[in-house]
Every structure is written in C-alpha cells, then in structure tokens.
Amino acid sequence: MSSKIKLISCVIIASITFLYIFSMFIYPLYIGGISNLLGVLAEWQTLNAGLIALIAAAITAYIAIKIDANARERNDNQIRAENAREKERLRREEQLRQDQREREFKAAKAMLPHSLSLIASHVEDCTFLLLQAYFQLMMRNPQELNPPQKTELAEKFKLLQKPHESILFFKECIILGNENESRYLSKALTELQIFFSRMESFEKSYGMHSYWIKEMLIYSIYFYFVITGLFDYSREKGAILPPPTNKDIYYIKLSFADGEFHKSIEEHDDKDIDKFITAYINSANTWNNNLR
C-alpha cells in the first residue's frame, strides 16, 4: 500500500514540476524569445522566489530527514550489534553452565557404582537375615518367632551398617541428570528410604509376625533388583534395567539368597510368598513405565 502511495505522489510532483517549467520557461521562450522569457520571469518573480524558498526548505528538510534516518539506522545497527553480543555472551555462559553441570554429573555418577555396591550388599544382608527368620518360621506351628528368636533377629539387624551416605550421590545425580534418569533415580531414592525405614522396624522388634517377615523377605529381593538394575547405567555400560517381572527369577534368588544353594522355595510352596511375589512384580511394571 505504501509503495503505491509513493508512486502516485511521484507522478503528481513530476506533473506539477513539468507544468511549472513548461509554463514559466519553455512556452514564454517559444512564443516570444528571450525578451519575453525575461518579462515573464520579472512578472512572476514573487512566485518564483517563493518556489525557490520552498524548494530550498524541502531540500533542507530532506537532508535533515536523511541525516536523522542515518542516525537512527546507525543506532539500530548498534543496538542489534549489542543484542547480538549479549545473546552470544548468554549463549557462552549457558554453555559454560551446561559444561559445568555435565562435569558435576559425571563426578557424582562416578561415585554411584560404589554407593550402589554398598546398598546392594546391605540389602543382601537383610535378605539373608529375613531368610533365616523365614526358615525358623517354617519349623514352628503356629508360624511365629518366639521371644528369644525375635531378640536375636533384632540384634542382628542392629549390627548391619546402613549406607546412608549413599543418599547424597543419588541426590546429586537426580539434580544433574536428564528428565527420565532423574525421575527413575528419584523413585529409587524414595524406595531406598522406604527400605531403610522398614528394616529399622526389625531393630526395634516391631512387626516380627510371620506375615510381615515374609513380605519384607520378598520386598528385599525386589529392592535388590531395583538397585542392581542401575549398575550398568552407573558404569556407562548400558541403560537402566527395571526390576524383573518373571516369577522364576524371584524364586531362584530366594534359593540362593545366602550365596549358596539351600532348600529350594518354589511356586505354590507358600501361598503368602506367592502373593507377595505377584504384588511386587506388579510394582516392577511401574518401573518399566517410568523408563518410557
């Protein structure tokens, strides 16, 4: 629209200019020669002086507008250059922050395998104690530990060294990792704190009834798989592995929970054990969903 207006304006100005030059110079010269031209100019000298002043003012205004436009353009260019420099500065700072974040994440992740080993060892110790308690239950009718057995179990749990310092490296990896990894590690950290809390109940001789011992036995195996599933990831050798959803793996782990083969515990041997394995396999499916 603006270009069309400019075109019309140029046509009008050109037409008026041509009409003025023709009427004031060409036509008088053509019909009467130079004397007639000078007479016409003398007769219209006030108009011509006004036009000359108007043209001079227009030229002055054009020059001022051009100077102002150039100044604005220089200012705009300067602003664009400053914005570009600021953008580049922010980009470099963000890159430095990202590089620093990656270095801190690698440093925290470098300590994760050791932390996971300590946690896994502690979980296996808990599983071993719970398995001993479970076999003691199997030899009693009704299946309940007597007071000396409860006291002995509580004392053994008190002797276990809990790797609480491992929580720190989990937190750092959660803060510095990507979204999926942080979400999974956050769930693992929550599960770790739940595990510590549940195992502490045995130190205080709480929940020593058979049902709780059986559930915590399976829960310790389930949580062991949660922790060991992080080993390849922590060593940069592979992805995070969720807990298994195959029942046979849980029964095999039960049979070798003390590091050696003992009496095999198979499906349908204990309906409570079967039920808890099924429940924790359902929980394992949620870990699969967190990795998607």
Protein backbone atom coordinates (compact mmCIF):
# COMPACT_ATOMS: atom_id res chain seq x y z
CA MET A 1 0.00 0.00 0.00
CA SER A 2 2.80 2.48 0.89
CA SER A 3 4.68 1.82 -2.37
CA LYS A 4 1.51 2.63 -4.36
CA ILE A 5 1.08 5.93 -2.49
CA LYS A 6 4.73 6.81 -3.15
CA LEU A 7 4.24 6.13 -6.86
CA ILE A 8 1.17 8.37 -7.03
CA SER A 9 2.99 11.12 -5.13
CA CYS A 10 5.95 10.96 -7.52
CA VAL A 11 3.64 11.20 -10.53
CA ILE A 12 1.85 14.25 -9.09
CA ILE A 13 5.12 16.03 -8.20
CA ALA A 14 6.61 15.28 -11.63
CA SER A 15 3.47 16.56 -13.36
CA ILE A 16 3.44 19.82 -11.35
CA THR A 17 7.17 20.31 -11.96
CA PHE A 18 6.82 19.73 -15.68
CA LEU A 19 3.80 22.10 -15.85
CA TYR A 20 5.73 24.84 -13.99
CA ILE A 21 8.86 24.53 -16.14
CA PHE A 22 6.80 24.46 -19.34
CA SER A 23 4.67 27.45 -18.36
CA MET A 24 7.43 29.56 -16.82
CA PHE A 25 10.33 28.85 -19.20
CA ILE A 26 9.64 26.77 -22.32
CA TYR A 27 6.38 28.33 -23.54
CA PRO A 28 7.38 32.03 -22.99
CA LEU A 29 10.71 31.37 -24.74
CA TYR A 30 8.98 29.58 -27.60
CA ILE A 31 6.40 32.27 -28.36
CA GLY A 32 8.43 35.44 -27.66
CA GLY A 33 12.07 34.64 -27.41
CA ILE A 34 14.44 35.60 -24.65
CA SER A 35 12.91 39.02 -24.07
CA ASN A 36 9.51 37.52 -23.48
CA LEU A 37 11.04 34.93 -21.10
CA LEU A 38 12.69 37.66 -19.06
CA GLY A 39 9.46 39.60 -18.94
CA VAL A 40 7.53 36.61 -17.67
CA LEU A 41 10.16 35.90 -15.03
CA ALA A 42 10.07 39.54 -13.90
CA GLU A 43 6.28 39.49 -13.73
CA TRP A 44 6.23 36.27 -11.70
CA GLN A 45 9.33 36.88 -9.65
CA THR A 46 7.42 36.78 -6.31
CA LEU A 47 6.03 33.33 -7.19
CA ASN A 48 9.44 32.15 -8.35
CA ALA A 49 11.14 33.47 -5.20
CA GLY A 50 8.54 31.65 -3.08
CA LEU A 51 9.05 28.47 -5.03
CA ILE A 52 12.83 28.75 -4.71
CA ALA A 53 12.44 29.24 -0.95
CA LEU A 54 10.04 26.30 -0.81
CA ILE A 55 12.44 24.10 -2.77
CA ALA A 56 15.33 25.14 -0.53
CA ALA A 57 13.25 24.35 2.55
CA ALA A 58 12.27 21.00 1.05
CA ILE A 59 15.92 20.21 0.31
CA THR A 60 16.90 21.23 3.83
CA ALA A 61 14.10 19.11 5.29
CA TYR A 62 15.11 16.17 3.11
CA ILE A 63 18.73 16.47 4.22
CA ALA A 64 17.64 16.68 7.90
CA ILE A 65 15.33 13.68 7.48
CA LYS A 66 18.11 11.73 5.74
CA ILE A 67 20.60 12.61 8.48
CA ASP A 68 18.05 11.59 11.13
CA ALA A 69 17.29 8.35 9.27
CA ASN A 70 21.00 7.56 9.02
CA ALA A 71 21.43 8.30 12.71
CA ARG A 72 18.50 6.02 13.54
CA GLU A 73 19.92 3.33 11.29
CA ARG A 74 23.33 3.61 12.97
CA ASN A 75 21.62 3.47 16.35
CA ASP A 76 19.55 0.45 15.28
CA ASN A 77 22.66 -1.26 13.95
CA GLN A 78 24.43 -0.53 17.21
CA ILE A 79 21.52 -1.92 19.21
CA ARG A 80 21.40 -5.03 17.01
CA ALA A 81 25.14 -5.47 17.42
CA GLU A 82 24.85 -5.08 21.21
CA ASN A 83 21.93 -7.53 21.27
CA ALA A 84 23.94 -9.98 19.20
CA ARG A 85 26.91 -9.63 21.56
CA GLU A 86 24.64 -10.05 24.59
CA LYS A 87 23.00 -13.08 23.02
CA GLU A 88 26.40 -14.60 22.30
CA ARG A 89 27.54 -13.83 25.86
CA LEU A 90 24.44 -15.52 27.29
CA ARG A 91 24.96 -18.48 24.94
CA ARG A 92 28.57 -18.86 26.12
CA GLU A 93 27.53 -18.56 29.76
CA GLU A 94 24.80 -21.16 29.24
CA GLN A 95 27.30 -23.43 27.51
CA LEU A 96 29.72 -22.99 30.40
CA ARG A 97 26.93 -23.78 32.88
CA GLN A 98 25.96 -26.82 30.85
CA ASP A 99 29.57 -27.99 30.67
CA GLN A 100 29.95 -27.45 34.40
CA ARG A 101 26.69 -29.34 35.01
CA GLU A 102 27.93 -32.25 32.90
CA ARG A 103 31.25 -32.33 34.76
CA GLU A 104 29.47 -32.31 38.12
CA PHE A 105 27.08 -35.01 36.92
CA LYS A 106 29.98 -37.21 35.76
CA ALA A 107 31.72 -36.66 39.09
CA ALA A 108 28.58 -37.62 41.04
CA LYS A 109 27.89 -40.55 38.73
CA ALA A 110 31.47 -41.78 39.16
CA MET A 111 30.68 -42.39 42.84
CA LEU A 112 27.36 -44.09 42.10
CA PRO A 113 28.74 -47.63 41.41
CA HIS A 114 30.43 -47.71 44.83
CA SER A 115 27.27 -46.42 46.52
CA LEU A 116 25.14 -48.98 44.70
CA SER A 117 27.51 -51.77 45.73
CA LEU A 118 27.23 -50.74 49.38
CA ILE A 119 23.44 -50.59 49.15
CA ALA A 120 23.17 -53.93 47.32
CA SER A 121 25.43 -55.58 49.91
CA HIS A 122 23.29 -54.17 52.74
CA VAL A 123 20.09 -55.37 51.05
CA GLU A 124 21.53 -58.87 50.64
CA ASP A 125 22.47 -58.90 54.32
CA CYS A 126 18.88 -58.01 55.19
CA THR A 127 17.58 -60.70 52.84
CA PHE A 128 19.85 -63.26 54.46
CA LEU A 129 18.58 -62.40 57.98
CA LEU A 130 14.97 -62.44 56.82
CA LEU A 131 15.52 -65.78 55.09
CA GLN A 132 16.89 -67.24 58.31
CA ALA A 133 13.84 -65.94 60.14
CA TYR A 134 11.61 -67.40 57.45
CA PHE A 135 13.12 -70.88 57.85
CA GLN A 136 12.68 -70.58 61.61
CA LEU A 137 9.01 -69.81 60.98
CA MET A 138 8.66 -72.87 58.79
CA MET A 139 9.79 -75.08 61.69
CA ARG A 140 7.21 -73.69 64.09
CA ASN A 141 3.48 -74.22 64.43
CA PRO A 142 1.94 -71.69 64.51
CA GLN A 143 4.39 -69.82 62.33
CA GLU A 144 5.58 -67.22 64.80
CA LEU A 145 9.01 -66.49 66.25
CA ASN A 146 9.45 -66.97 69.97
CA PRO A 147 10.78 -64.05 72.10
CA PRO A 148 14.44 -65.19 72.07
CA GLN A 149 14.34 -65.56 68.29
CA LYS A 150 12.84 -62.06 67.92
CA THR A 151 15.52 -60.60 70.17
CA GLU A 152 18.27 -62.37 68.24
CA LEU A 153 16.90 -61.13 64.92
CA ALA A 154 16.66 -57.56 66.23
CA GLU A 155 20.27 -57.66 67.46
CA LYS A 156 21.50 -58.92 64.10
CA PHE A 157 19.69 -56.09 62.29
CA LYS A 158 21.25 -53.55 64.66
CA LEU A 159 24.72 -54.76 63.70
CA LEU A 160 24.16 -54.05 60.00
CA GLN A 161 25.87 -50.93 58.70
CA LYS A 162 23.42 -48.80 56.73
CA PRO A 163 24.96 -46.89 53.79
CA HIS A 164 23.14 -43.63 54.50
CA GLU A 165 25.92 -41.60 52.84
CA SER A 166 24.90 -43.14 49.51
CA ILE A 167 21.79 -40.97 49.51
CA LEU A 168 23.98 -37.92 48.78
CA PHE A 169 25.19 -39.28 45.44
CA PHE A 170 21.64 -40.21 44.48
CA LYS A 171 20.52 -36.64 45.16
CA GLU A 172 23.33 -35.13 43.08
CA CYS A 173 22.57 -37.43 40.12
CA ILE A 174 18.87 -36.59 40.40
CA ILE A 175 19.62 -32.84 40.33
CA LEU A 176 22.09 -33.03 37.44
CA GLY A 177 20.68 -35.87 35.29
CA ASN A 178 18.22 -35.67 32.42
CA GLU A 179 14.47 -35.86 32.96
CA ASN A 180 13.94 -39.62 32.54
CA GLU A 181 17.05 -40.57 34.53
CA SER A 182 16.19 -38.10 37.30
CA ARG A 183 12.64 -39.41 37.54
CA TYR A 184 13.84 -43.00 37.81
CA LEU A 185 16.61 -42.19 40.30
CA SER A 186 14.17 -40.14 42.36
CA LYS A 187 11.86 -43.14 42.58
CA ALA A 188 14.82 -45.36 43.50
CA LEU A 189 15.87 -42.91 46.24
CA THR A 190 12.34 -42.88 47.62
CA GLU A 191 12.33 -46.66 47.59
CA LEU A 192 15.72 -46.71 49.35
CA GLN A 193 14.41 -44.54 52.19
CA ILE A 194 11.33 -46.73 52.48
CA PHE A 195 13.58 -49.79 52.63
CA PHE A 196 15.70 -48.30 55.44
CA SER A 197 12.57 -47.38 57.36
CA ARG A 198 11.04 -50.84 57.03
CA MET A 199 14.22 -52.63 58.03
CA GLU A 200 14.53 -50.42 61.11
CA SER A 201 11.28 -51.90 62.38
CA PHE A 202 13.13 -55.18 62.91
CA GLU A 203 15.79 -53.46 65.01
CA LYS A 204 13.07 -52.40 67.43
CA SER A 205 11.38 -55.82 67.35
CA TYR A 206 8.35 -54.31 65.61
CA GLY A 207 6.42 -56.35 63.09
CA MET A 208 8.06 -59.67 63.86
CA HIS A 209 4.95 -61.62 62.90
CA SER A 210 5.23 -64.12 60.08
CA TYR A 211 3.20 -62.17 57.52
CA TRP A 212 5.48 -59.11 57.79
CA ILE A 213 8.65 -61.20 57.70
CA LYS A 214 7.52 -62.92 54.51
CA GLU A 215 6.58 -59.66 52.83
CA MET A 216 9.86 -57.98 53.77
CA LEU A 217 11.78 -61.00 52.52
CA ILE A 218 10.25 -60.61 49.05
CA TYR A 219 10.48 -56.83 49.27
CA SER A 220 14.22 -57.03 49.95
CA ILE A 221 14.69 -59.20 46.86
CA TYR A 222 12.57 -56.83 44.79
CA PHE A 223 14.54 -53.83 46.02
CA TYR A 224 17.82 -55.67 45.33
CA PHE A 225 16.75 -55.90 41.68
CA VAL A 226 15.92 -52.17 41.70
CA ILE A 227 19.46 -51.34 42.86
CA THR A 228 21.35 -53.82 40.66
CA GLY A 229 19.37 -52.56 37.65
CA LEU A 230 21.32 -49.31 38.00
CA PHE A 231 24.79 -50.88 37.81
CA ASP A 232 25.27 -50.79 34.01
CA TYR A 233 23.91 -47.25 33.87
CA SER A 234 26.24 -46.04 36.63
CA ARG A 235 29.27 -47.60 34.88
CA GLU A 236 28.36 -46.15 31.47
CA LYS A 237 27.93 -49.68 30.11
CA GLY A 238 24.22 -49.67 29.35
CA ALA A 239 20.76 -48.40 30.14
CA ILE A 240 18.84 -48.59 33.40
CA LEU A 241 17.25 -52.02 33.86
CA PRO A 242 13.91 -52.17 35.69
CA PRO A 243 13.17 -54.98 38.18
CA PRO A 244 12.30 -58.31 36.52
CA THR A 245 8.70 -59.35 36.04
CA ASN A 246 9.40 -63.07 35.78
CA LYS A 247 8.36 -65.04 38.90
CA ASP A 248 11.05 -67.67 38.38
CA ILE A 249 13.80 -65.09 38.91
CA TYR A 250 12.42 -64.23 42.34
CA TYR A 251 12.20 -67.90 43.37
CA ILE A 252 15.76 -68.53 42.13
CA LYS A 253 17.00 -65.55 44.13
CA LEU A 254 15.21 -66.94 47.19
CA SER A 255 17.01 -70.24 46.76
CA PHE A 256 20.44 -68.55 46.60
CA ALA A 257 19.83 -65.63 48.97
CA ASP A 258 22.67 -66.62 51.29
CA GLY A 259 25.17 -67.05 48.45
CA GLU A 260 24.82 -70.81 48.42
CA PHE A 261 22.02 -73.11 47.40
CA HIS A 262 19.75 -74.10 50.23
CA LYS A 263 16.28 -75.60 50.31
CA SER A 264 14.53 -74.55 47.12
CA ILE A 265 11.44 -72.38 47.57
CA GLU A 266 9.18 -72.87 44.60
CA GLU A 267 5.86 -71.51 43.48
CA HIS A 268 2.88 -72.86 45.45
CA ASP A 269 5.12 -73.90 48.38
CA ASP A 270 3.88 -70.91 50.37
CA LYS A 271 0.76 -69.01 49.31
CA ASP A 272 1.91 -65.87 51.15
CA ILE A 273 5.24 -65.88 49.32
CA ASP A 274 3.38 -66.39 46.02
CA LYS A 275 1.11 -63.46 46.76
CA PHE A 276 3.94 -61.08 47.65
CA ILE A 277 5.97 -62.01 44.58
CA THR A 278 2.94 -61.27 42.40
CA ALA A 279 2.38 -57.94 44.18
CA TYR A 280 5.97 -56.79 43.72
CA ILE A 281 6.02 -57.91 40.10
CA ASN A 282 3.09 -55.53 39.61
CA SER A 283 5.19 -52.82 41.25
CA ALA A 284 8.04 -53.70 38.91
CA ASN A 285 5.80 -52.85 35.96
CA THR A 286 5.59 -49.25 37.17
CA TRP A 287 9.39 -49.01 36.92
CA ASN A 288 9.12 -50.05 33.27
CA ASN A 289 6.61 -47.25 32.72
CA ASN A 290 9.00 -44.69 34.26
CA LEU A 291 11.63 -45.53 31.65
CA ARG A 292 9.32 -44.81 28.71
